C-alpha atoms as a PDB file:
ATOM      1  CA  MET A   1      94.339  53.863  60.741  1.00  0.00           C
ATOM      2  CA  ARG A   2      93.968  57.119  58.877  1.00  0.00           C
ATOM      3  CA  ALA A   3      96.999  59.374  58.454  1.00  0.00           C
ATOM      4  CA  TRP A   4      97.707  62.013  61.068  1.00  0.00           C
ATOM      5  CA  GLU A   5      95.949  65.313  60.318  1.00  0.00           C
ATOM      6  CA  VAL A   6      98.109  68.181  61.538  1.00  0.00           C
ATOM      7  CA  GLY A   7      96.217  71.382  62.161  1.00  0.00           C
ATOM      8  CA  LYS A   8      97.561  74.872  61.579  1.00  0.00           C
ATOM      9  CA  VAL A   9      97.848  77.080  64.640  1.00  0.00           C
ATOM     10  CA  THR A  10      95.427  79.947  64.255  1.00  0.00           C
ATOM     11  CA  SER A  11      96.295  83.510  65.185  1.00  0.00           C
ATOM     12  CA  GLY A  12      95.931  84.049  68.909  1.00  0.00           C
ATOM     13  CA  ALA A  13      95.637  80.329  69.682  1.00  0.00           C
ATOM     14  CA  ALA A  14      98.097  78.651  71.997  1.00  0.00           C
ATOM     15  CA  ALA A  15     100.264  76.054  70.333  1.00  0.00           C
ATOM     16  CA  GLY A  16      99.851  72.452  71.340  1.00  0.00           C
ATOM     17  CA  GLY A  17     102.139  70.633  73.768  1.00  0.00           C
ATOM     18  CA  VAL A  18     105.385  68.997  72.738  1.00  0.00           C
ATOM     19  CA  HIS A  19     106.527  65.435  73.361  1.00  0.00           C
ATOM     20  CA  PRO A  20     109.650  65.864  75.557  1.00  0.00           C
ATOM     21  CA  GLY A  21     111.351  62.911  73.906  1.00  0.00           C
ATOM     22  CA  ARG A  22     110.876  63.877  70.254  1.00  0.00           C
ATOM     23  CA  GLY A  23     112.045  67.471  70.047  1.00  0.00           C
ATOM     24  CA  SER A  24     110.383  70.866  69.962  1.00  0.00           C
ATOM     25  CA  GLU A  25     109.136  70.584  66.364  1.00  0.00           C
ATOM     26  CA  ALA A  26     107.155  67.359  66.763  1.00  0.00           C
ATOM     27  CA  PRO A  27     103.382  67.956  67.087  1.00  0.00           C
ATOM     28  CA  ILE A  28     101.450  66.233  69.828  1.00  0.00           C
ATOM     29  CA  ARG A  29      99.530  63.269  68.394  1.00  0.00           C
ATOM     30  CA  VAL A  30      95.989  62.781  69.676  1.00  0.00           C
ATOM     31  CA  LEU A  31      94.176  59.547  68.851  1.00  0.00           C
ATOM     32  CA  VAL A  32      90.391  59.859  69.190  1.00  0.00           C
ATOM     33  CA  VAL A  33      88.632  56.506  69.593  1.00  0.00           C
ATOM     34  CA  GLY A  34      84.904  56.614  68.865  1.00  0.00           C
ATOM     35  CA  GLY A  35      82.983  59.817  68.465  1.00  0.00           C
ATOM     36  CA  VAL A  36      83.359  59.606  64.682  1.00  0.00           C
ATOM     37  CA  ALA A  37      80.239  61.177  63.187  1.00  0.00           C
ATOM     38  CA  PRO A  38      79.375  63.065  59.992  1.00  0.00           C
ATOM     39  CA  GLY A  39      80.766  66.579  60.125  1.00  0.00           C
ATOM     40  CA  PRO A  40      83.599  67.988  62.259  1.00  0.00           C
ATOM     41  CA  CYS A  41      83.803  67.270  65.981  1.00  0.00           C
ATOM     42  CA  PRO A  42      84.030  70.589  67.930  1.00  0.00           C
ATOM     43  CA  ALA A  43      86.715  69.303  70.314  1.00  0.00           C
ATOM     44  CA  THR A  44      88.951  67.937  67.550  1.00  0.00           C
ATOM     45  CA  VAL A  45      88.492  71.152  65.549  1.00  0.00           C
ATOM     46  CA  GLN A  46      89.752  73.095  68.563  1.00  0.00           C
ATOM     47  CA  LEU A  47      92.722  70.745  68.968  1.00  0.00           C
ATOM     48  CA  GLU A  48      93.648  71.011  65.285  1.00  0.00           C
ATOM     49  CA  ARG A  49      93.511  74.805  65.506  1.00  0.00           C
ATOM     50  CA  ARG A  50      96.135  74.591  68.220  1.00  0.00           C
ATOM     51  CA  GLY A  51      98.479  72.530  66.073  1.00  0.00           C
ATOM     52  CA  TYR A  52      97.779  69.029  67.384  1.00  0.00           C
ATOM     53  CA  ALA A  53      97.991  66.071  64.993  1.00  0.00           C
ATOM     54  CA  LEU A  54      94.695  64.148  65.012  1.00  0.00           C
ATOM     55  CA  GLN A  55      93.650  60.611  64.125  1.00  0.00           C
ATOM     56  CA  ARG A  56      90.034  59.459  64.387  1.00  0.00           C
ATOM     57  CA  VAL A  57      89.152  55.781  64.588  1.00  0.00           C
ATOM     58  CA  LEU A  58      86.000  53.860  65.510  1.00  0.00           C
ATOM     59  CA  GLU A  59      87.832  51.086  67.360  1.00  0.00           C
ATOM     60  CA  LEU A  60      90.988  51.038  69.465  1.00  0.00           C
ATOM     61  CA  PRO A  61      93.668  49.496  67.191  1.00  0.00           C
ATOM     62  CA  ALA A  62      94.940  46.093  68.269  1.00  0.00           C
ATOM     63  CA  GLY A  63      98.608  45.891  69.191  1.00  0.00           C
ATOM     64  CA  LEU A  64      98.947  49.638  69.719  1.00  0.00           C
ATOM     65  CA  ALA A  65     102.599  50.543  70.349  1.00  0.00           C
ATOM     66  CA  PRO A  66     103.552  52.819  73.287  1.00  0.00           C
ATOM     67  CA  THR A  67     104.826  55.450  70.848  1.00  0.00           C
ATOM     68  CA  SER A  68     101.744  55.371  68.578  1.00  0.00           C
ATOM     69  CA  ALA A  69     100.169  58.451  70.186  1.00  0.00           C
ATOM     70  CA  ASP A  70     100.801  60.987  72.933  1.00  0.00           C
ATOM     71  CA  VAL A  71      97.177  61.329  74.052  1.00  0.00           C
ATOM     72  CA  ILE A  72      94.302  58.897  73.546  1.00  0.00           C
ATOM     73  CA  ILE A  73      90.744  60.203  73.928  1.00  0.00           C
ATOM     74  CA  LEU A  74      88.141  57.490  74.483  1.00  0.00           C
ATOM     75  CA  ALA A  75      84.786  58.850  73.280  1.00  0.00           C
ATOM     76  CA  LEU A  76      82.737  55.697  72.882  1.00  0.00           C
ATOM     77  CA  PRO A  77      78.930  55.895  72.811  1.00  0.00           C
ATOM     78  CA  ARG A  78      76.871  55.556  75.947  1.00  0.00           C
ATOM     79  CA  GLY A  79      76.148  51.971  76.932  1.00  0.00           C
ATOM     80  CA  GLN A  80      79.730  50.771  76.365  1.00  0.00           C
ATOM     81  CA  ASP A  81      81.024  51.529  79.854  1.00  0.00           C
ATOM     82  CA  ASP A  82      82.551  48.093  80.405  1.00  0.00           C
ATOM     83  CA  ARG A  83      84.380  48.351  77.091  1.00  0.00           C
ATOM     84  CA  VAL A  84      85.772  51.753  78.040  1.00  0.00           C
ATOM     85  CA  ILE A  85      86.995  50.392  81.375  1.00  0.00           C
ATOM     86  CA  GLN A  86      88.700  47.486  79.597  1.00  0.00           C
ATOM     87  CA  HIS A  87      90.375  49.915  77.176  1.00  0.00           C
ATOM     88  CA  CYS A  88      91.669  51.938  80.142  1.00  0.00           C
ATOM     89  CA  ALA A  89      93.139  48.804  81.701  1.00  0.00           C
ATOM     90  CA  ASP A  90      94.747  47.744  78.410  1.00  0.00           C
ATOM     91  CA  LEU A  91      96.209  51.198  77.751  1.00  0.00           C
ATOM     92  CA  ARG A  92      97.629  51.405  81.277  1.00  0.00           C
ATOM     93  CA  ARG A  93     100.242  48.873  80.223  1.00  0.00           C
ATOM     94  CA  LEU A  94     101.635  51.250  77.581  1.00  0.00           C
ATOM     95  CA  ALA A  95     104.476  53.449  78.774  1.00  0.00           C
ATOM     96  CA  TRP A  96     103.624  56.796  77.204  1.00  0.00           C
ATOM     97  CA  PRO A  97     100.092  57.694  76.029  1.00  0.00           C
ATOM     98  CA  ALA A  98      97.918  59.727  78.366  1.00  0.00           C
ATOM     99  CA  VAL A  99      94.295  58.551  78.422  1.00  0.00           C
ATOM    100  CA  ILE A 100      91.279  60.857  78.688  1.00  0.00           C
ATOM    101  CA  VAL A 101      87.735  59.448  78.822  1.00  0.00           C
ATOM    102  CA  LEU A 102      84.759  61.484  77.600  1.00  0.00           C
ATOM    103  CA  HIS A 103      81.786  59.953  79.378  1.00  0.00           C
ATOM    104  CA  GLN A 104      78.348  60.482  77.890  1.00  0.00           C
ATOM    105  CA  GLY A 105      76.681  60.225  81.289  1.00  0.00           C
ATOM    106  CA  ALA A 106      77.173  61.946  84.635  1.00  0.00           C
ATOM    107  CA  ASP A 107      77.739  58.852  86.782  1.00  0.00           C
ATOM    108  CA  SER A 108      80.367  59.531  89.451  1.00  0.00           C
ATOM    109  CA  GLU A 109      80.806  55.791  90.031  1.00  0.00           C
ATOM    110  CA  PHE A 110      81.860  55.326  86.394  1.00  0.00           C
ATOM    111  CA  VAL A 111      84.381  58.172  86.738  1.00  0.00           C
ATOM    112  CA  VAL A 112      85.926  56.410  89.740  1.00  0.00           C
ATOM    113  CA  ARG A 113      86.015  53.100  87.839  1.00  0.00           C
ATOM    114  CA  ALA A 114      87.724  54.731  84.859  1.00  0.00           C
ATOM    115  CA  LEU A 115      90.366  56.372  87.051  1.00  0.00           C
ATOM    116  CA  GLU A 116      90.924  53.118  88.940  1.00  0.00           C
ATOM    117  CA  ALA A 117      91.342  51.243  85.662  1.00  0.00           C
ATOM    118  CA  GLY A 118      94.070  53.601  84.469  1.00  0.00           C
ATOM    119  CA  ALA A 119      92.525  56.683  82.852  1.00  0.00           C
ATOM    120  CA  ASP A 120      94.451  59.889  83.515  1.00  0.00           C
ATOM    121  CA  ASP A 121      91.314  62.020  83.369  1.00  0.00           C
ATOM    122  CA  CYS A 122      87.582  61.481  82.908  1.00  0.00           C
ATOM    123  CA  LEU A 123      85.067  64.143  81.878  1.00  0.00           C
ATOM    124  CA  PRO A 124      81.403  63.367  82.591  1.00  0.00           C
ATOM    125  CA  SER A 125      78.686  65.141  80.612  1.00  0.00           C
ATOM    126  CA  PRO A 126      78.129  67.922  79.956  1.00  0.00           C
ATOM    127  CA  HIS A 127      81.563  68.895  78.628  1.00  0.00           C
ATOM    128  CA  GLY A 128      82.300  71.469  75.951  1.00  0.00           C
ATOM    129  CA  PRO A 129      85.101  71.466  73.374  1.00  0.00           C
ATOM    130  CA  ARG A 130      87.057  74.158  75.224  1.00  0.00           C
ATOM    131  CA  GLU A 131      87.054  72.061  78.396  1.00  0.00           C
ATOM    132  CA  VAL A 132      88.308  69.005  76.491  1.00  0.00           C
ATOM    133  CA  VAL A 133      91.135  71.068  74.981  1.00  0.00           C
ATOM    134  CA  ALA A 134      91.944  72.560  78.395  1.00  0.00           C
ATOM    135  CA  ARG A 135      92.169  69.093  79.974  1.00  0.00           C
ATOM    136  CA  VAL A 136      94.454  67.807  77.196  1.00  0.00           C
ATOM    137  CA  THR A 137      96.669  70.884  77.483  1.00  0.00           C
ATOM    138  CA  ALA A 138      96.854  70.669  81.284  1.00  0.00           C
ATOM    139  CA  LEU A 139      97.697  66.973  81.184  1.00  0.00           C
ATOM    140  CA  LEU A 140     100.509  67.540  78.693  1.00  0.00           C
ATOM    141  CA  ARG A 141     101.782  70.536  80.654  1.00  0.00           C
ATOM    142  CA  ARG A 142     102.042  68.458  83.838  1.00  0.00           C
ATOM    143  CA  ARG A 143     103.778  65.677  81.940  1.00  0.00           C
ATOM    144  CA  ALA A 144     106.304  68.084  80.369  1.00  0.00           C
ATOM    145  CA  ARG A 145     106.923  69.666  83.780  1.00  0.00           C
ATOM    146  CA  ASP A 146     107.612  66.258  85.305  1.00  0.00           C
ATOM    147  CA  ALA A 147     109.963  65.394  82.428  1.00  0.00           C
ATOM    148  CA  ARG A 148     111.877  68.661  82.948  1.00  0.00           C
ATOM    149  CA  ARG A 149     111.989  68.123  86.676  1.00  0.00           C
ATOM    150  CA  TYR A 150     113.441  64.645  86.482  1.00  0.00           C
ATOM    151  CA  GLY A 151     115.291  65.133  83.195  1.00  0.00           C
ATOM    152  CA  GLY A 152     114.264  61.678  82.007  1.00  0.00           C
ATOM    153  CA  ARG A 153     116.521  60.171  84.669  1.00  0.00           C
ATOM    154  CA  HIS A 154     115.800  58.006  87.667  1.00  0.00           C
ATOM    155  CA  CYS A 155     114.628  59.354  90.995  1.00  0.00           C
ATOM    156  CA  VAL A 156     115.952  57.076  93.741  1.00  0.00           C
ATOM    157  CA  PHE A 157     114.187  56.653  97.091  1.00  0.00           C
ATOM    158  CA  ASP A 158     115.467  54.149  99.657  1.00  0.00           C
ATOM    159  CA  GLY A 159     116.982  52.013  96.903  1.00  0.00           C
ATOM    160  CA  HIS A 160     113.904  52.107  94.662  1.00  0.00           C
ATOM    161  CA  GLU A 161     114.139  53.838  91.292  1.00  0.00           C
ATOM    162  CA  LEU A 162     111.402  55.791  89.529  1.00  0.00           C
ATOM    163  CA  ASP A 163     111.822  56.437  85.800  1.00  0.00           C
ATOM    164  CA  ALA A 164     109.903  59.647  85.075  1.00  0.00           C
ATOM    165  CA  LEU A 165     109.368  58.930  81.376  1.00  0.00           C
ATOM    166  CA  THR A 166     108.394  55.257  81.432  1.00  0.00           C
ATOM    167  CA  ARG A 167     106.758  55.530  84.877  1.00  0.00           C
ATOM    168  CA  ILE A 168     108.411  52.294  85.972  1.00  0.00           C
ATOM    169  CA  VAL A 169     109.344  51.742  89.628  1.00  0.00           C
ATOM    170  CA  ARG A 170     112.203  49.298  90.178  1.00  0.00           C
ATOM    171  CA  ALA A 171     113.052  47.662  93.482  1.00  0.00           C
ATOM    172  CA  PRO A 172     116.622  46.950  94.671  1.00  0.00           C
ATOM    173  CA  ASP A 173     116.045  43.226  94.032  1.00  0.00           C
ATOM    174  CA  GLY A 174     115.068  43.846  90.382  1.00  0.00           C
ATOM    175  CA  ARG A 175     111.286  43.688  90.683  1.00  0.00           C
ATOM    176  CA  GLN A 176     109.534  46.384  88.728  1.00  0.00           C
ATOM    177  CA  VAL A 177     106.050  47.756  88.199  1.00  0.00           C
ATOM    178  CA  GLU A 178     104.586  50.391  85.904  1.00  0.00           C
ATOM    179  CA  ILE A 179     102.371  53.065  87.391  1.00  0.00           C
ATOM    180  CA  THR A 180      99.856  55.295  85.621  1.00  0.00           C
ATOM    181  CA  GLU A 181     100.300  58.980  84.819  1.00  0.00           C
ATOM    182  CA  LEU A 182      98.028  59.937  87.728  1.00  0.00           C
ATOM    183  CA  GLN A 183      99.890  57.643  90.101  1.00  0.00           C
ATOM    184  CA  HIS A 184     103.190  59.101  88.900  1.00  0.00           C
ATOM    185  CA  ARG A 185     102.018  62.634  89.680  1.00  0.00           C
ATOM    186  CA  LEU A 186     100.855  61.502  93.099  1.00  0.00           C
ATOM    187  CA  LEU A 187     104.128  59.742  93.874  1.00  0.00           C
ATOM    188  CA  SER A 188     106.076  62.762  92.611  1.00  0.00           C
ATOM    189  CA  ALA A 189     104.179  65.038  95.005  1.00  0.00           C
ATOM    190  CA  LEU A 190     104.968  62.724  97.926  1.00  0.00           C
ATOM    191  CA  LEU A 191     108.620  62.386  96.843  1.00  0.00           C
ATOM    192  CA  ALA A 192     108.956  66.164  96.903  1.00  0.00           C
ATOM    193  CA  ARG A 193     108.258  66.077 100.667  1.00  0.00           C
ATOM    194  CA  PRO A 194     109.517  62.714 101.984  1.00  0.00           C
ATOM    195  CA  GLY A 195     108.600  61.973 105.575  1.00  0.00           C
ATOM    196  CA  GLU A 196     106.045  64.806 105.672  1.00  0.00           C
ATOM    197  CA  VAL A 197     102.263  64.542 105.752  1.00  0.00           C
ATOM    198  CA  VAL A 198     100.963  66.100 102.536  1.00  0.00           C
ATOM    199  CA  ASP A 199      97.470  67.575 102.699  1.00  0.00           C
ATOM    200  CA  ARG A 200      94.746  65.708 100.761  1.00  0.00           C
ATOM    201  CA  GLU A 201      93.600  68.865  98.948  1.00  0.00           C
ATOM    202  CA  GLU A 202      97.167  69.640  97.906  1.00  0.00           C
ATOM    203  CA  LEU A 203      97.595  66.137  96.533  1.00  0.00           C
ATOM    204  CA  LEU A 204      94.257  66.330  94.734  1.00  0.00           C
ATOM    205  CA  GLU A 205      95.215  69.605  93.087  1.00  0.00           C
ATOM    206  CA  HIS A 206      98.605  68.195  92.052  1.00  0.00           C
ATOM    207  CA  VAL A 207      97.057  65.048  90.608  1.00  0.00           C
ATOM    208  CA  LEU A 208      93.901  66.329  88.933  1.00  0.00           C
ATOM    209  CA  GLY A 209      94.588  70.043  88.519  1.00  0.00           C
ATOM    210  CA  GLU A 210      93.256  73.066  90.318  1.00  0.00           C
ATOM    211  CA  GLU A 211      90.263  73.594  88.017  1.00  0.00           C
ATOM    212  CA  THR A 212      88.813  70.103  88.157  1.00  0.00           C
ATOM    213  CA  GLU A 213      85.651  69.302  90.095  1.00  0.00           C
ATOM    214  CA  SER A 214      86.685  66.065  91.740  1.00  0.00           C
ATOM    215  CA  PHE A 215      84.780  63.600  93.839  1.00  0.00           C
ATOM    216  CA  ASP A 216      85.444  63.127  97.558  1.00  0.00           C
ATOM    217  CA  ARG A 217      86.832  59.628  97.029  1.00  0.00           C
ATOM    218  CA  ALA A 218      89.125  60.595  94.169  1.00  0.00           C
ATOM    219  CA  ILE A 219      92.428  61.079  96.020  1.00  0.00           C
ATOM    220  CA  ASP A 220      91.780  58.086  98.289  1.00  0.00           C
ATOM    221  CA  VAL A 221      91.177  55.900  95.225  1.00  0.00           C
ATOM    222  CA  HIS A 222      94.437  57.055  93.637  1.00  0.00           C
ATOM    223  CA  VAL A 223      96.464  56.526  96.819  1.00  0.00           C
ATOM    224  CA  SER A 224      94.959  53.084  97.387  1.00  0.00           C
ATOM    225  CA  ARG A 225      95.782  51.993  93.863  1.00  0.00           C
ATOM    226  CA  LEU A 226      99.311  53.421  94.077  1.00  0.00           C
ATOM    227  CA  LYS A 227      99.886  51.582  97.372  1.00  0.00           C
ATOM    228  CA  LYS A 228      98.835  48.314  95.724  1.00  0.00           C
ATOM    229  CA  ARG A 229     101.213  48.889  92.815  1.00  0.00           C
ATOM    230  CA  LEU A 230     104.127  49.739  95.103  1.00  0.00           C
ATOM    231  CA  ALA A 231     103.390  46.683  97.257  1.00  0.00           C
ATOM    232  CA  THR A 232     104.385  44.484  94.299  1.00  0.00           C
ATOM    233  CA  VAL A 233     107.960  45.840  94.439  1.00  0.00           C
ATOM    234  CA  SER A 234     108.367  46.661  98.137  1.00  0.00           C
ATOM    235  CA  ASP A 235     107.814  44.598 101.255  1.00  0.00           C
ATOM    236  CA  ALA A 236     107.417  47.800 103.284  1.00  0.00           C
ATOM    237  CA  ASP A 237     104.248  49.891 103.357  1.00  0.00           C
ATOM    238  CA  LEU A 238     105.689  53.044 101.800  1.00  0.00           C
ATOM    239  CA  ILE A 239     102.642  55.315 102.172  1.00  0.00           C
ATOM    240  CA  SER A 240     100.942  56.064 105.500  1.00  0.00           C
ATOM    241  CA  CYS A 241      97.427  57.464 105.774  1.00  0.00           C
ATOM    242  CA  TYR A 242      96.507  60.166 108.283  1.00  0.00           C
ATOM    243  CA  ARG A 243      92.734  60.029 108.175  1.00  0.00           C
ATOM    244  CA  GLY A 244      91.127  63.348 107.383  1.00  0.00           C
ATOM    245  CA  VAL A 245      94.519  65.024 106.977  1.00  0.00           C
ATOM    246  CA  GLY A 246      96.651  63.539 104.227  1.00  0.00           C
ATOM    247  CA  TYR A 247      99.335  61.001 103.310  1.00  0.00           C
ATOM    248  CA  ARG A 248     103.042  60.551 104.005  1.00  0.00           C
ATOM    249  CA  LEU A 249     105.756  58.755 102.032  1.00  0.00           C
ATOM    250  CA  ASP A 250     107.798  56.832 104.572  1.00  0.00           C
ATOM    251  CA  VAL A 251     111.278  56.933 103.055  1.00  0.00           C
ATOM    252  CA  GLN A 252     114.579  58.219 104.422  1.00  0.00           C
ATOM    253  CA  HIS A 253     116.563  59.188 101.334  1.00  0.00           C
ATOM    254  CA  VAL A 254     115.507  60.716  98.010  1.00  0.00           C
ATOM    255  CA  ALA A 255     118.005  61.552  95.267  1.00  0.00           C
ATOM    256  CA  GLN A 256     117.745  62.521  91.596  1.00  0.00           C
END
């Protein structure tokens, strides 16, 4: 891959996010897959102006390490939807990088598929460079907030442990499963109010952000996928659905 290109923060521009595990001086590394064309890309120009370190590649590198990048933007050409979905599924297994998909169409079904496969965000067309930068910044801000909240330590609920940085849930018997960034935000919102029914709109805002235009099925898709992941480490059904109202995490004790 090409070397990281670190942009200089322009006057009046907000500085990029910071990886909570590497110190305040380390720039956020954004790997852009696809979208490599002659001339500068408006979105990457905006990111570089805010001090992000950029790499641009045509293909997703094989054997990518979890610490290779902080954010991965998939910007493959239209007509490669299945490949994008496969990339999302492959990247879901990495512990750290956040994944944002820039979709060249406006197909809501593809957005749902991308989120189900493991993408943390998906922007259908049309999307401008400022919106891409705003989504990256918001995603990193939520991640940094979660890291501060949990301090990189385990959150324990009814004997299960959630590692906020690796997003791994461990059961008392040793079974473990990794959840996605979106699923982690969803579980965190439910853990903040154990035993209470949390409103669907509140969960949607916590997971996708207050400025996103989401689809009706979005929060239900995320909850369903989270329930399936948790079912691999728990014999109990930890999340109850209250149709038309919201969801409840059925646990008795939560400690940090």
